[in-house]
Amino acid sequence: MRGAFLGISIDGLMRALLGLGGALLVWLAWPVTKSAFQAQQADAAINALRLNHKISLAAVLKAIDALDRAVEADPTASRHLQRSELQAGIALSPGFSPTDRQRSEWLLRAQADLTFGLGNDPARGIGWLRLASVRMALEGPSQRSVAPLLMSIDTAPMLLPLWPARLRLILDHWQVLTVSQREKAARYVARTWQLSPGHEWFADAIRTPIDELFVRYYVRNEAGALEELSRLLEERRGKTQ
């Protein structure tokens, strides 16, 4: 019988194989699709935290539950990093008031997600910065939080939106930085001053006279920087009086 194989027509065999391939594709794609659907339910909470919009604790917890299901369905680096953003946000944002135990639990969960996510996708400057903040909150200033801070700079050196938080962390860690780490931080802070369209955030990072001393040291060679910094700090002092 022409056009047949083992009594089955070639056309029928091809249709069967195509059907099997389609079913296999759906089976393989289903976890990814399910994960994406669950993760999408957390988008509103993530955006609210990023933009400092008001959001309830219940809404953030609901978003974390959705990401728990997303990670379970498709445990990729991206999903773990998404969940870490909410967990760190609920622990560190001033709008929430968790107990010390709750705060520690969220920070430890965020740290675990960041360790997994960055281990599988290390080119994430904001992820490394978040890990530095989480470790700082858990342990205080140490080389364990300096390491991800420097990795954040290495992976996204001139991403200006990250620099206000970086500068704050650099100031918080000054006493534990090595000489070479201090020199590296100083070079990047000066370069960021050069590239930044506005310098108000430099003044915003200053909380103590020691902070001011270090920031002035960083930008001492930039034309007009010390005078501008003095003006910005004076404006802020005037607003608080």
Protein backbone atom coordinates (compact mmCIF):
# COMPACT_ATOMS: atom_id res chain seq x y z
CA MET A 1 0.00 0.00 0.00
CA ARG A 2 1.59 3.21 -1.19
CA GLY A 3 1.64 6.21 1.09
CA ALA A 4 1.34 4.04 4.16
CA PHE A 5 3.58 2.78 6.91
CA LEU A 6 2.60 -0.28 8.96
CA GLY A 7 -0.91 0.10 7.71
CA ILE A 8 -1.15 3.77 8.70
CA SER A 9 -1.32 6.45 6.06
CA ILE A 10 1.56 8.92 5.95
CA ASP A 11 -0.88 11.81 6.30
CA GLY A 12 -2.43 10.24 9.36
CA LEU A 13 0.96 9.58 10.88
CA MET A 14 2.03 13.18 10.32
CA ARG A 15 -1.18 14.51 11.90
CA ALA A 16 -0.65 12.26 14.90
CA LEU A 17 2.94 13.43 15.33
CA LEU A 18 1.91 17.07 15.00
CA GLY A 19 -0.82 16.57 17.57
CA LEU A 20 1.63 14.91 19.94
CA GLY A 21 4.12 17.74 19.44
CA GLY A 22 1.45 20.33 20.15
CA ALA A 23 0.37 18.55 23.31
CA LEU A 24 3.98 18.29 24.45
CA LEU A 25 4.51 22.01 23.80
CA VAL A 26 1.45 22.92 25.84
CA TRP A 27 2.61 20.63 28.65
CA LEU A 28 6.05 22.23 28.71
CA ALA A 29 4.74 25.79 28.45
CA TRP A 30 2.03 25.46 31.08
CA PRO A 31 4.25 26.06 34.16
CA VAL A 32 5.71 29.19 32.55
CA THR A 33 2.26 30.46 31.62
CA LYS A 34 0.89 29.71 35.08
CA SER A 35 3.87 31.44 36.71
CA ALA A 36 3.48 34.52 34.52
CA PHE A 37 -0.23 34.74 35.37
CA GLN A 38 0.49 34.56 39.11
CA ALA A 39 3.37 37.05 38.90
CA GLN A 40 1.16 39.51 37.03
CA GLN A 41 -1.08 39.70 40.10
CA ALA A 42 1.85 41.19 42.05
CA ASP A 43 2.60 43.97 39.55
CA ALA A 44 0.42 46.59 41.26
CA ALA A 45 2.09 46.05 44.64
CA ILE A 46 5.58 46.13 43.14
CA ASN A 47 4.85 49.37 41.30
CA ALA A 48 3.34 50.95 44.42
CA LEU A 49 6.47 50.20 46.45
CA ARG A 50 8.76 51.45 43.69
CA LEU A 51 6.87 54.73 43.39
CA ASN A 52 6.33 55.17 47.15
CA HIS A 53 2.57 55.06 46.69
CA LYS A 54 0.39 54.17 49.64
CA ILE A 55 -0.45 50.47 49.81
CA SER A 56 -1.83 48.33 52.58
CA LEU A 57 0.08 45.55 54.28
CA ALA A 58 -2.65 43.11 53.26
CA ALA A 59 -2.18 44.01 49.60
CA VAL A 60 1.57 43.38 49.76
CA LEU A 61 1.08 40.07 51.55
CA LYS A 62 -1.44 39.03 48.90
CA ALA A 63 1.09 39.91 46.19
CA ILE A 64 3.77 37.83 47.95
CA ASP A 65 1.36 34.88 48.06
CA ALA A 66 0.88 35.24 44.30
CA LEU A 67 4.64 35.24 43.78
CA ASP A 68 4.96 32.18 46.03
CA ARG A 69 2.72 30.36 43.55
CA ALA A 70 4.66 31.82 40.61
CA VAL A 71 7.98 30.59 42.04
CA GLU A 72 6.48 27.17 42.74
CA ALA A 73 5.30 26.86 39.13
CA ASP A 74 8.47 28.20 37.51
CA PRO A 75 11.38 28.74 39.94
CA THR A 76 13.47 31.02 37.74
CA ALA A 77 15.95 33.66 38.88
CA SER A 78 13.58 36.39 37.72
CA ARG A 79 10.70 35.13 39.86
CA HIS A 80 12.91 34.87 42.96
CA LEU A 81 14.19 38.41 42.41
CA GLN A 82 10.64 39.72 42.00
CA ARG A 83 9.61 38.15 45.28
CA SER A 84 12.68 39.55 47.03
CA GLU A 85 11.62 43.06 46.05
CA LEU A 86 8.33 42.71 47.90
CA GLN A 87 9.87 40.95 50.89
CA ALA A 88 12.58 43.57 51.29
CA GLY A 89 10.03 46.32 50.70
CA ILE A 90 7.72 45.15 53.44
CA ALA A 91 10.67 44.84 55.84
CA LEU A 92 12.45 48.11 55.04
CA SER A 93 9.81 50.59 53.84
CA PRO A 94 8.84 53.13 56.52
CA GLY A 95 5.16 52.74 55.68
CA PHE A 96 5.00 49.35 57.41
CA SER A 97 5.61 48.52 61.06
CA PRO A 98 6.42 44.83 61.36
CA THR A 99 7.58 43.37 64.65
CA ASP A 100 11.29 42.67 64.96
CA ARG A 101 10.61 38.98 64.40
CA GLN A 102 8.46 39.61 61.32
CA ARG A 103 11.02 42.03 59.91
CA SER A 104 13.82 39.53 60.39
CA GLU A 105 11.80 36.77 58.73
CA TRP A 106 11.05 38.88 55.67
CA LEU A 107 14.67 39.97 55.39
CA LEU A 108 15.92 36.39 55.62
CA ARG A 109 13.46 35.29 52.95
CA ALA A 110 14.52 38.18 50.73
CA GLN A 111 18.17 37.28 51.26
CA ALA A 112 17.50 33.66 50.26
CA ASP A 113 15.66 34.74 47.10
CA LEU A 114 18.41 37.20 46.20
CA THR A 115 21.13 34.61 46.75
CA PHE A 116 19.35 32.17 44.42
CA GLY A 117 18.36 34.79 41.85
CA LEU A 118 21.74 36.50 41.62
CA GLY A 119 23.53 33.17 41.58
CA ASN A 120 21.66 32.31 38.39
CA ASP A 121 21.46 35.81 36.89
CA PRO A 122 24.36 37.88 38.24
CA ALA A 123 24.08 40.86 35.87
CA ARG A 124 21.45 42.56 38.05
CA GLY A 125 22.78 45.80 39.53
CA ILE A 126 19.58 46.56 41.40
CA GLY A 127 19.46 43.01 42.80
CA TRP A 128 22.98 43.32 44.21
CA LEU A 129 22.07 46.68 45.73
CA ARG A 130 18.99 45.15 47.35
CA LEU A 131 21.11 42.33 48.77
CA ALA A 132 23.51 44.88 50.26
CA SER A 133 20.58 46.70 51.89
CA VAL A 134 19.10 43.46 53.24
CA ARG A 135 22.41 42.29 54.72
CA MET A 136 22.99 45.74 56.19
CA ALA A 137 19.59 45.57 57.88
CA LEU A 138 20.23 42.05 59.20
CA GLU A 139 23.84 42.35 60.31
CA GLY A 140 24.89 46.00 60.30
CA PRO A 141 27.85 47.31 58.29
CA SER A 142 30.26 44.52 57.28
CA GLN A 143 32.17 43.18 54.33
CA ARG A 144 29.21 40.84 53.71
CA SER A 145 27.13 43.84 52.70
CA VAL A 146 30.06 45.67 51.08
CA ALA A 147 30.58 42.80 48.62
CA PRO A 148 27.13 43.04 46.96
CA LEU A 149 27.30 46.85 47.09
CA LEU A 150 30.48 46.78 45.00
CA MET A 151 28.96 44.13 42.71
CA SER A 152 26.04 46.49 42.13
CA ILE A 153 28.49 49.18 41.05
CA ASP A 154 30.41 46.75 38.84
CA THR A 155 27.30 45.46 37.06
CA ALA A 156 25.50 48.81 36.65
CA PRO A 157 28.08 51.53 37.36
CA MET A 158 26.35 54.55 35.82
CA LEU A 159 22.70 53.68 36.37
CA LEU A 160 21.90 57.00 38.03
CA PRO A 161 18.58 56.05 39.73
CA LEU A 162 20.49 53.57 41.90
CA TRP A 163 23.06 56.06 43.16
CA PRO A 164 21.07 57.78 45.96
CA ALA A 165 20.73 54.40 47.71
CA ARG A 166 24.32 53.49 46.87
CA LEU A 167 25.68 56.71 48.32
CA ARG A 168 23.70 56.17 51.51
CA LEU A 169 25.13 52.65 51.84
CA ILE A 170 28.66 53.85 51.09
CA LEU A 171 28.36 56.39 53.91
CA ASP A 172 26.95 53.74 56.25
CA HIS A 173 29.86 51.38 55.48
CA TRP A 174 32.74 53.82 55.46
CA GLN A 175 34.25 52.43 58.67
CA VAL A 176 34.46 48.86 57.28
CA LEU A 177 35.70 49.67 53.77
CA THR A 178 39.27 48.80 52.90
CA VAL A 179 41.55 51.50 51.49
CA SER A 180 41.10 50.23 47.92
CA GLN A 181 37.31 50.02 48.38
CA ARG A 182 37.23 53.61 49.67
CA GLU A 183 39.22 54.79 46.67
CA LYS A 184 36.91 52.93 44.29
CA ALA A 185 33.81 54.39 45.95
CA ALA A 186 35.30 57.89 45.83
CA ARG A 187 36.03 57.61 42.09
CA TYR A 188 32.51 56.50 41.28
CA VAL A 189 30.83 59.10 43.50
CA ALA A 190 32.86 61.85 41.81
CA ARG A 191 32.00 60.47 38.37
CA THR A 192 28.33 60.32 39.30
CA TRP A 193 28.44 63.97 40.41
CA GLN A 194 29.76 64.82 36.95
CA LEU A 195 26.99 62.92 35.15
CA SER A 196 24.04 63.73 37.41
CA PRO A 197 21.71 66.44 36.06
CA GLY A 198 20.91 67.50 39.64
CA HIS A 199 22.76 67.16 42.91
CA GLU A 200 19.99 67.46 45.49
CA TRP A 201 20.23 63.76 46.32
CA PHE A 202 23.83 64.20 47.46
CA ALA A 203 22.59 66.57 50.15
CA ASP A 204 19.67 64.26 50.95
CA ALA A 205 22.11 61.41 51.71
CA ILE A 206 23.84 63.47 54.42
CA ARG A 207 22.52 62.77 57.91
CA THR A 208 25.49 63.53 60.16
CA PRO A 209 28.53 65.85 60.15
CA ILE A 210 30.69 62.80 59.33
CA ASP A 211 28.52 62.10 56.27
CA GLU A 212 28.99 65.68 55.14
CA LEU A 213 32.74 65.40 55.60
CA PHE A 214 32.93 62.32 53.41
CA VAL A 215 30.68 63.69 50.66
CA ARG A 216 32.76 66.85 50.53
CA TYR A 217 35.86 64.68 50.28
CA TYR A 218 34.35 62.72 47.37
CA VAL A 219 33.51 65.79 45.28
CA ARG A 220 36.34 68.09 46.37
CA ASN A 221 37.95 68.17 42.91
CA GLU A 222 34.72 68.90 40.99
CA ALA A 223 34.37 72.53 39.90
CA GLY A 224 31.89 74.40 42.11
CA ALA A 225 30.84 71.22 43.93
CA LEU A 226 31.69 72.32 47.46
CA GLU A 227 29.87 75.62 47.04
CA GLU A 228 26.81 73.94 45.56
CA LEU A 229 26.76 71.36 48.32
CA SER A 230 26.90 74.11 50.95
CA ARG A 231 23.96 75.86 49.28
CA LEU A 232 21.88 72.68 49.13
CA LEU A 233 22.56 71.86 52.75
CA GLU A 234 21.68 75.40 53.83
CA GLU A 235 18.37 75.17 51.96
CA ARG A 236 17.54 71.94 53.76
CA ARG A 237 18.41 73.38 57.14
CA GLY A 238 16.16 76.35 56.41
CA LYS A 239 13.23 74.07 55.63
CA THR A 240 13.58 72.21 58.94
CA GLN A 241 13.71 75.33 61.10
